[in-house]
Amino acid sequence: MPIQTMNDVQLLVLASMSMGQRIRFIREIMGTLFGKEKYTTKTLATKLQVTPQTLTAIERGDSLNPSFNVIYGLAKAFNVKVEVFTDEYYESKPIKPFTVGFVDEDEEIDVDWENDDPEDKSPSVKPEDNSRLGLYITQHFDNGETRIVTSHLTNNNINPVRLVETLCRITMELQILDQSSMDKKHVQFSDLKDNPYNLAVRRYHSLLTEPEEFPLGQTEYWNNLIRQFNEHARHYQKQKEVQ
């Protein structure tokens, strides 16, 4: 039965996307369930009697006013409600899970949105809603030495939007430093293709979709590592002074 229920991580990713990105995200899931060749833009376009370029434009966000008939057709092809493509759907907290796919590959079914268990009050816990942001700024010298210049931990919890915004600003500052260091004597145009916000959003998506690349550890262990580094640095500094 190739039906998949969107989990908390997938719902968070969808909430941060545009309509076109959500369509592509769900299309790729359908491809995983039923075979990628059955859910290419070309295959779907044939079923919906539109051009592949039309679907590509919607997914990329180039089509600002896509036809409702096309959007409805996509929803039917994925067996989801049209609402799951909209921003409004993800404004409710917790976000209501939904399913994609069909019990039978050739069967179309209607998802009953009213049959959720009313007694199920379990919250959808998202680590991003219960976290603060910490920042360390370090100097790394050409002779192999490193020191911590400053550190800061926010007093208040941050949400995913604030996390992405902060990553964007930090990324932008680093890009400016990298770009200006190429020619310290002249102002020059940047040839960077990726804007900081897109890079920040991609990093946020990676946190959710590739947790193995960003493993969680105990805070006390992290604090011990910083203490050990500072103790080593003080000892190293005294040795230098003696020499």
Protein backbone atom coordinates (compact mmCIF):
# COMPACT_ATOMS: atom_id res chain seq x y z
CA MET A 1 0.00 0.00 0.00
CA PRO A 2 2.12 2.93 -1.21
CA ILE A 3 0.50 5.63 0.92
CA GLN A 4 2.73 7.91 2.92
CA THR A 5 1.78 10.20 5.80
CA MET A 6 3.75 13.42 6.03
CA ASN A 7 5.74 13.41 9.26
CA ASP A 8 6.69 16.41 11.40
CA VAL A 9 9.97 16.97 9.57
CA GLN A 10 8.32 16.90 6.14
CA LEU A 11 5.56 19.24 7.34
CA LEU A 12 8.16 21.73 8.57
CA VAL A 13 9.94 21.60 5.23
CA LEU A 14 6.66 22.12 3.38
CA ALA A 15 5.75 25.04 5.65
CA SER A 16 8.93 26.85 4.64
CA MET A 17 8.35 26.37 0.91
CA SER A 18 6.47 28.25 -1.78
CA MET A 19 3.52 26.63 -3.56
CA GLY A 20 5.65 25.52 -6.50
CA GLN A 21 8.27 24.02 -4.22
CA ARG A 22 5.56 22.11 -2.33
CA ILE A 23 4.26 20.68 -5.60
CA ARG A 24 7.71 19.50 -6.59
CA PHE A 25 8.38 18.10 -3.10
CA ILE A 26 5.19 16.01 -3.18
CA ARG A 27 5.74 15.02 -6.82
CA GLU A 28 9.15 13.62 -5.89
CA ILE A 29 7.60 11.64 -3.02
CA MET A 30 5.05 10.21 -5.45
CA GLY A 31 7.91 9.27 -7.74
CA THR A 32 9.55 7.40 -4.88
CA LEU A 33 6.30 5.55 -4.12
CA PHE A 34 5.24 4.67 -7.67
CA GLY A 35 8.32 5.14 -9.85
CA LYS A 36 10.00 8.36 -10.90
CA GLU A 37 9.16 7.87 -14.57
CA LYS A 38 5.44 8.06 -13.72
CA TYR A 39 5.76 11.41 -11.96
CA THR A 40 8.00 13.48 -14.18
CA THR A 41 6.73 16.88 -15.30
CA LYS A 42 6.42 15.47 -18.80
CA THR A 43 4.26 12.51 -17.71
CA LEU A 44 2.04 14.67 -15.50
CA ALA A 45 1.73 17.31 -18.20
CA THR A 46 0.40 14.69 -20.60
CA LYS A 47 -2.24 13.60 -18.08
CA LEU A 48 -3.25 17.18 -17.35
CA GLN A 49 -3.17 18.17 -21.05
CA VAL A 50 -0.67 20.98 -20.55
CA THR A 51 2.94 21.45 -21.61
CA PRO A 52 5.82 20.28 -19.39
CA GLN A 53 7.02 23.89 -19.43
CA THR A 54 3.79 24.90 -17.69
CA LEU A 55 4.44 22.58 -14.75
CA THR A 56 8.12 23.53 -14.61
CA ALA A 57 7.18 27.21 -14.47
CA ILE A 58 4.79 26.53 -11.58
CA GLU A 59 7.38 24.56 -9.62
CA ARG A 60 10.03 27.24 -10.14
CA GLY A 61 7.65 30.03 -9.16
CA ASP A 62 7.86 31.64 -12.61
CA SER A 63 4.11 31.23 -13.09
CA LEU A 64 2.58 33.72 -10.65
CA ASN A 65 -1.03 32.90 -11.53
CA PRO A 66 -1.25 29.18 -12.30
CA SER A 67 -4.58 27.83 -13.54
CA PHE A 68 -6.74 26.39 -10.78
CA ASN A 69 -7.58 23.48 -13.07
CA VAL A 70 -3.89 22.57 -13.25
CA ILE A 71 -3.42 22.88 -9.48
CA TYR A 72 -6.57 20.83 -8.89
CA GLY A 73 -5.34 18.24 -11.37
CA LEU A 74 -2.02 17.98 -9.54
CA ALA A 75 -3.79 17.57 -6.21
CA LYS A 76 -5.88 14.78 -7.69
CA ALA A 77 -2.78 13.11 -9.17
CA PHE A 78 -1.14 13.13 -5.72
CA ASN A 79 -4.41 12.33 -3.91
CA VAL A 80 -4.19 15.38 -1.64
CA LYS A 81 -6.40 18.37 -0.95
CA VAL A 82 -5.56 21.54 -2.90
CA GLU A 83 -5.16 23.29 0.48
CA VAL A 84 -1.87 21.52 1.20
CA PHE A 85 -0.26 23.63 -1.52
CA THR A 86 -1.23 26.88 0.21
CA ASP A 87 0.50 28.89 2.95
CA GLU A 88 -2.69 28.97 5.04
CA TYR A 89 -2.63 25.21 5.57
CA TYR A 90 0.66 25.43 7.47
CA GLU A 91 -0.37 28.33 9.71
CA SER A 92 -2.27 26.06 12.10
CA LYS A 93 -0.29 24.76 15.08
CA PRO A 94 0.35 21.90 15.14
CA ILE A 95 0.29 21.42 11.39
CA LYS A 96 -2.23 18.75 10.46
CA PRO A 97 -0.56 15.68 8.86
CA PHE A 98 -1.85 14.48 5.51
CA THR A 99 -1.27 11.49 3.26
CA VAL A 100 -0.12 11.22 -0.34
CA GLY A 101 -0.51 8.29 -2.72
CA PHE A 102 -3.10 5.60 -3.29
CA VAL A 103 -3.96 2.28 -1.68
CA ASP A 104 -3.88 0.84 -5.17
CA GLU A 105 -1.77 2.41 -7.89
CA ASP A 106 -4.79 2.65 -10.17
CA GLU A 107 -7.27 3.60 -7.47
CA GLU A 108 -8.21 7.13 -6.55
CA ILE A 109 -9.54 7.69 -3.04
CA ASP A 110 -10.76 10.71 -1.10
CA VAL A 111 -8.94 11.46 2.11
CA ASP A 112 -11.46 11.83 4.95
CA TRP A 113 -10.28 14.88 6.84
CA GLU A 114 -13.06 14.66 9.42
CA ASN A 115 -12.25 11.22 10.81
CA ASP A 116 -9.22 12.18 12.88
CA ASP A 117 -9.37 10.90 16.42
CA PRO A 118 -10.76 13.78 18.53
CA GLU A 119 -9.15 12.26 21.61
CA ASP A 120 -5.68 12.48 20.11
CA LYS A 121 -4.33 15.61 21.75
CA SER A 122 -0.65 14.75 21.43
CA PRO A 123 1.28 17.88 20.41
CA SER A 124 3.52 17.98 17.40
CA VAL A 125 6.79 18.80 19.12
CA LYS A 126 9.36 20.54 16.96
CA PRO A 127 12.86 21.08 18.37
CA GLU A 128 13.11 24.39 16.49
CA ASP A 129 10.37 25.83 18.74
CA ASN A 130 12.28 24.96 21.90
CA SER A 131 15.78 26.09 21.09
CA ARG A 132 18.00 29.10 21.56
CA LEU A 133 20.69 30.19 19.15
CA GLY A 134 24.35 30.22 20.12
CA LEU A 135 27.09 32.00 18.22
CA TYR A 136 30.86 31.70 18.50
CA ILE A 137 33.20 33.98 16.56
CA THR A 138 36.74 32.68 16.23
CA GLN A 139 39.98 33.83 14.70
CA HIS A 140 42.07 31.28 12.82
CA PHE A 141 45.65 32.40 12.19
CA ASP A 142 47.97 31.25 9.43
CA ASN A 143 50.40 29.82 11.99
CA GLY A 144 47.82 27.24 13.09
CA GLU A 145 46.55 29.10 16.17
CA THR A 146 42.91 29.75 16.99
CA ARG A 147 41.10 31.79 19.61
CA ILE A 148 37.50 32.51 20.56
CA VAL A 149 36.80 36.22 20.13
CA THR A 150 33.25 36.28 21.47
CA SER A 151 30.28 34.04 22.15
CA HIS A 152 26.60 34.68 22.68
CA LEU A 153 23.53 32.60 23.50
CA THR A 154 20.08 34.09 22.97
CA ASN A 155 17.91 34.49 26.06
CA ASN A 156 14.71 33.67 24.17
CA ASN A 157 13.74 30.70 22.06
CA ILE A 158 13.76 31.22 18.30
CA ASN A 159 11.46 29.83 15.62
CA PRO A 160 12.50 28.51 12.18
CA VAL A 161 11.89 31.87 10.51
CA ARG A 162 14.24 33.68 12.92
CA LEU A 163 16.83 30.92 12.48
CA VAL A 164 16.81 31.29 8.69
CA GLU A 165 16.96 35.10 8.96
CA THR A 166 19.96 34.90 11.29
CA LEU A 167 21.74 32.38 9.07
CA CYS A 168 21.05 34.70 6.13
CA ARG A 169 22.64 37.71 7.84
CA ILE A 170 25.68 35.76 8.99
CA THR A 171 26.12 34.21 5.53
CA MET A 172 25.88 37.64 3.93
CA GLU A 173 28.55 39.07 6.26
CA LEU A 174 30.90 36.19 5.50
CA GLN A 175 30.31 36.57 1.76
CA ILE A 176 31.11 40.27 2.03
CA LEU A 177 34.35 39.49 3.88
CA ASP A 178 35.33 36.89 1.30
CA GLN A 179 34.49 39.14 -1.62
CA SER A 180 36.20 42.25 -0.24
CA SER A 181 39.33 40.30 0.64
CA MET A 182 39.84 39.47 -3.05
CA ASP A 183 40.74 43.06 -3.82
CA LYS A 184 41.31 45.25 -0.77
CA LYS A 185 42.06 48.36 -2.81
CA HIS A 186 38.98 48.64 -4.99
CA VAL A 187 35.22 48.33 -4.72
CA GLN A 188 33.99 45.63 -7.05
CA PHE A 189 30.80 43.87 -8.09
CA SER A 190 30.26 40.40 -6.68
CA ASP A 191 30.05 37.44 -9.02
CA LEU A 192 28.41 35.24 -6.39
CA LYS A 193 25.42 33.36 -7.83
CA ASP A 194 23.76 32.21 -4.60
CA ASN A 195 22.09 34.86 -2.51
CA PRO A 196 22.44 34.51 1.29
CA TYR A 197 18.75 33.86 1.92
CA ASN A 198 18.60 30.89 -0.46
CA LEU A 199 21.73 29.46 1.11
CA ALA A 200 20.19 29.88 4.58
CA VAL A 201 16.95 28.19 3.54
CA ARG A 202 18.85 25.28 2.01
CA ARG A 203 20.85 24.89 5.22
CA TYR A 204 17.62 24.88 7.24
CA HIS A 205 16.13 22.23 4.94
CA SER A 206 19.29 20.17 5.42
CA LEU A 207 18.87 20.32 9.19
CA LEU A 208 15.45 18.72 8.78
CA THR A 209 16.03 16.30 5.93
CA GLU A 210 19.62 15.21 6.64
CA PRO A 211 19.82 14.93 10.46
CA GLU A 212 22.73 12.52 10.20
CA GLU A 213 24.84 15.38 8.84
CA PHE A 214 23.98 17.56 11.87
CA PRO A 215 24.01 15.16 14.84
CA LEU A 216 22.65 16.31 18.17
CA GLY A 217 24.83 16.01 21.25
CA GLN A 218 24.42 16.84 24.92
CA THR A 219 24.87 20.50 25.82
CA GLU A 220 27.09 19.65 28.78
CA TYR A 221 29.47 17.77 26.49
CA TRP A 222 29.69 20.84 24.23
CA ASN A 223 30.36 23.08 27.24
CA ASN A 224 33.11 20.70 28.39
CA LEU A 225 34.75 20.89 24.95
CA ILE A 226 34.80 24.71 25.15
CA ARG A 227 36.19 24.62 28.70
CA GLN A 228 38.90 22.18 27.63
CA PHE A 229 39.82 24.37 24.68
CA ASN A 230 40.09 27.47 26.89
CA GLU A 231 42.21 25.60 29.44
CA HIS A 232 44.49 24.36 26.66
CA ALA A 233 44.68 27.88 25.21
CA ARG A 234 45.68 29.44 28.56
CA HIS A 235 48.36 26.78 29.07
CA TYR A 236 49.60 27.27 25.51
CA GLN A 237 49.74 31.04 25.97
CA LYS A 238 51.81 30.73 29.18
CA GLN A 239 54.25 28.43 27.40
CA LYS A 240 54.67 31.02 24.63
CA GLU A 241 55.32 33.76 27.16
CA VAL A 242 58.02 31.70 28.85
CA GLN A 243 59.73 31.08 25.54
